[in-house]
C-alpha atoms as a PDB file:
ATOM      1  CA  MET A   1       1.184   5.182  12.254  1.00  0.00           C
ATOM      2  CA  SER A   2       2.661   4.536  15.688  1.00  0.00           C
ATOM      3  CA  GLY A   3       5.338   2.266  17.063  1.00  0.00           C
ATOM      4  CA  GLU A   4       7.760   0.284  14.942  1.00  0.00           C
ATOM      5  CA  VAL A   5       7.352  -2.822  12.783  1.00  0.00           C
ATOM      6  CA  THR A   6       9.847  -4.856  10.823  1.00  0.00           C
ATOM      7  CA  LEU A   7       9.112  -5.372   7.136  1.00  0.00           C
ATOM      8  CA  VAL A   8      10.460  -8.785   6.152  1.00  0.00           C
ATOM      9  CA  THR A   9      10.957  -9.442   2.426  1.00  0.00           C
ATOM     10  CA  ASP A  10      13.000 -11.869   0.369  1.00  0.00           C
ATOM     11  CA  ALA A  11      15.802  -9.239   0.576  1.00  0.00           C
ATOM     12  CA  GLY A  12      15.841  -9.209   4.387  1.00  0.00           C
ATOM     13  CA  ALA A  13      14.423  -7.102   7.214  1.00  0.00           C
ATOM     14  CA  GLU A  14      13.881  -3.347   7.417  1.00  0.00           C
ATOM     15  CA  LEU A  15      12.595  -1.306  10.364  1.00  0.00           C
ATOM     16  CA  LEU A  16       9.573   0.927   9.629  1.00  0.00           C
ATOM     17  CA  GLY A  17       8.282   3.694  11.867  1.00  0.00           C
ATOM     18  CA  PRO A  18       5.633   6.434  11.783  1.00  0.00           C
ATOM     19  CA  GLY A  19       5.481   8.067   8.346  1.00  0.00           C
ATOM     20  CA  ASP A  20       7.190   5.170   6.539  1.00  0.00           C
ATOM     21  CA  ALA A  21       5.471   3.287   3.737  1.00  0.00           C
ATOM     22  CA  ALA A  22       6.132   0.191   1.639  1.00  0.00           C
ATOM     23  CA  GLY A  23       4.455  -0.905  -1.570  1.00  0.00           C
ATOM     24  CA  PHE A  24       4.386  -3.997  -3.736  1.00  0.00           C
ATOM     25  CA  LYS A  25       3.050  -4.310  -7.277  1.00  0.00           C
ATOM     26  CA  ALA A  26       0.340  -6.853  -7.981  1.00  0.00           C
ATOM     27  CA  GLY A  27       1.856 -10.172  -8.961  1.00  0.00           C
ATOM     28  CA  ASP A  28       5.179  -9.446  -7.233  1.00  0.00           C
ATOM     29  CA  PRO A  29       6.423 -12.869  -6.096  1.00  0.00           C
ATOM     30  CA  ASP A  30       8.423 -11.390  -3.175  1.00  0.00           C
ATOM     31  CA  GLY A  31       7.070 -12.873   0.034  1.00  0.00           C
ATOM     32  CA  HIS A  32       6.628 -10.071   2.572  1.00  0.00           C
ATOM     33  CA  CYS A  33       5.099  -9.478   5.990  1.00  0.00           C
ATOM     34  CA  LEU A  34       5.107  -7.032   8.891  1.00  0.00           C
ATOM     35  CA  GLN A  35       6.293  -8.208  12.299  1.00  0.00           C
ATOM     36  CA  ASN A  36       6.173  -6.382  15.604  1.00  0.00           C
ATOM     37  CA  ARG A  37       9.465  -7.380  17.196  1.00  0.00           C
ATOM     38  CA  SER A  38       9.259  -4.756  19.927  1.00  0.00           C
ATOM     39  CA  ASP A  39       7.730  -4.952  23.383  1.00  0.00           C
ATOM     40  CA  ARG A  40       5.250  -2.151  22.541  1.00  0.00           C
ATOM     41  CA  ASP A  41       2.055  -2.042  20.494  1.00  0.00           C
ATOM     42  CA  ALA A  42       2.247  -0.827  16.907  1.00  0.00           C
ATOM     43  CA  LEU A  43      -0.540   0.598  14.785  1.00  0.00           C
ATOM     44  CA  VAL A  44      -0.263   0.230  10.990  1.00  0.00           C
ATOM     45  CA  LEU A  45      -2.527   1.031   8.067  1.00  0.00           C
ATOM     46  CA  GLU A  46      -2.641  -1.582   5.318  1.00  0.00           C
ATOM     47  CA  VAL A  47      -4.320  -0.740   2.027  1.00  0.00           C
ATOM     48  CA  GLY A  48      -4.944  -3.149  -0.826  1.00  0.00           C
ATOM     49  CA  THR A  49      -7.358  -4.397  -3.401  1.00  0.00           C
ATOM     50  CA  ARG A  50      -8.759  -7.892  -3.327  1.00  0.00           C
ATOM     51  CA  LEU A  51     -10.635  -8.919  -6.421  1.00  0.00           C
ATOM     52  CA  PRO A  52     -12.925 -11.989  -6.308  1.00  0.00           C
ATOM     53  CA  ASP A  53     -10.537 -13.997  -8.517  1.00  0.00           C
ATOM     54  CA  ASP A  54      -7.419 -12.885  -6.605  1.00  0.00           C
ATOM     55  CA  GLY A  55      -5.302 -15.542  -4.962  1.00  0.00           C
ATOM     56  CA  ALA A  56      -2.048 -15.233  -3.059  1.00  0.00           C
ATOM     57  CA  HIS A  57       1.261 -17.061  -2.826  1.00  0.00           C
ATOM     58  CA  TYR A  58       3.306 -16.746   0.354  1.00  0.00           C
ATOM     59  CA  SER A  59       6.755 -17.750  -0.889  1.00  0.00           C
ATOM     60  CA  ASP A  60       8.467 -17.540   2.495  1.00  0.00           C
ATOM     61  CA  ILE A  61       6.216 -20.200   4.054  1.00  0.00           C
ATOM     62  CA  ASP A  62       5.235 -22.192   0.921  1.00  0.00           C
ATOM     63  CA  MET A  63       1.532 -21.394   1.230  1.00  0.00           C
ATOM     64  CA  VAL A  64      -1.017 -20.759  -1.529  1.00  0.00           C
ATOM     65  CA  ALA A  65      -4.356 -19.053  -0.851  1.00  0.00           C
ATOM     66  CA  PRO A  66      -6.884 -19.791  -3.602  1.00  0.00           C
ATOM     67  CA  PRO A  67      -9.142 -17.068  -5.000  1.00  0.00           C
ATOM     68  CA  GLY A  68     -11.954 -16.416  -2.499  1.00  0.00           C
ATOM     69  CA  GLY A  69     -10.438 -19.092  -0.280  1.00  0.00           C
ATOM     70  CA  LYS A  70     -10.761 -19.609   3.424  1.00  0.00           C
ATOM     71  CA  PRO A  71      -7.858 -20.589   5.717  1.00  0.00           C
ATOM     72  CA  ALA A  72      -9.034 -24.220   5.686  1.00  0.00           C
ATOM     73  CA  MET A  73      -8.470 -24.199   1.901  1.00  0.00           C
ATOM     74  CA  TYR A  74      -4.839 -23.004   2.044  1.00  0.00           C
ATOM     75  CA  THR A  75      -2.350 -25.433   0.521  1.00  0.00           C
ATOM     76  CA  ARG A  76       1.346 -25.805  -0.137  1.00  0.00           C
ATOM     77  CA  ARG A  77       2.522 -25.305  -3.731  1.00  0.00           C
ATOM     78  CA  ASP A  78       2.365 -29.066  -4.283  1.00  0.00           C
ATOM     79  CA  GLY A  79      -1.346 -29.075  -3.281  1.00  0.00           C
ATOM     80  CA  THR A  80      -1.039 -30.671   0.167  1.00  0.00           C
ATOM     81  CA  PRO A  81      -3.227 -28.974   2.788  1.00  0.00           C
ATOM     82  CA  TYR A  82      -1.553 -26.276   4.866  1.00  0.00           C
ATOM     83  CA  PRO A  83      -2.004 -26.813   8.622  1.00  0.00           C
ATOM     84  CA  ASP A  84      -4.400 -24.377  10.297  1.00  0.00           C
ATOM     85  CA  GLN A  85      -2.263 -22.368  12.723  1.00  0.00           C
ATOM     86  CA  GLY A  86      -5.086 -20.203  14.067  1.00  0.00           C
ATOM     87  CA  ARG A  87      -4.536 -16.626  15.223  1.00  0.00           C
ATOM     88  CA  ARG A  88      -1.330 -15.974  17.116  1.00  0.00           C
ATOM     89  CA  SER A  89      -2.695 -12.977  19.009  1.00  0.00           C
ATOM     90  CA  LYS A  90      -5.928 -11.195  19.710  1.00  0.00           C
ATOM     91  CA  PRO A  91      -6.953  -8.578  17.140  1.00  0.00           C
ATOM     92  CA  VAL A  92      -6.819  -4.992  18.380  1.00  0.00           C
ATOM     93  CA  PRO A  93     -10.247  -3.339  18.385  1.00  0.00           C
ATOM     94  CA  PRO A  94     -10.497  -0.111  16.350  1.00  0.00           C
ATOM     95  CA  GLY A  95     -10.395   3.209  18.170  1.00  0.00           C
END
């Protein structure tokens, strides 16, 4: 919506700006994330559906989030606990 972010997928990195969009089908195993690699703020709109029995697999960092799980319940694929990294930055208040 403003600024630029880098969409990182298993295929590599792609720069996204205002008006750009990216979509992933449910169950797509492609690990993906948005990163702000610039020195300016970026504002993005993320839309998704989370059902109570939905879980997630983050292939790029070997992390599994169980359905309805909390960060303390995240594990690696082999079941070992995933270390709690905490937030890396302060959330931006709406408005």
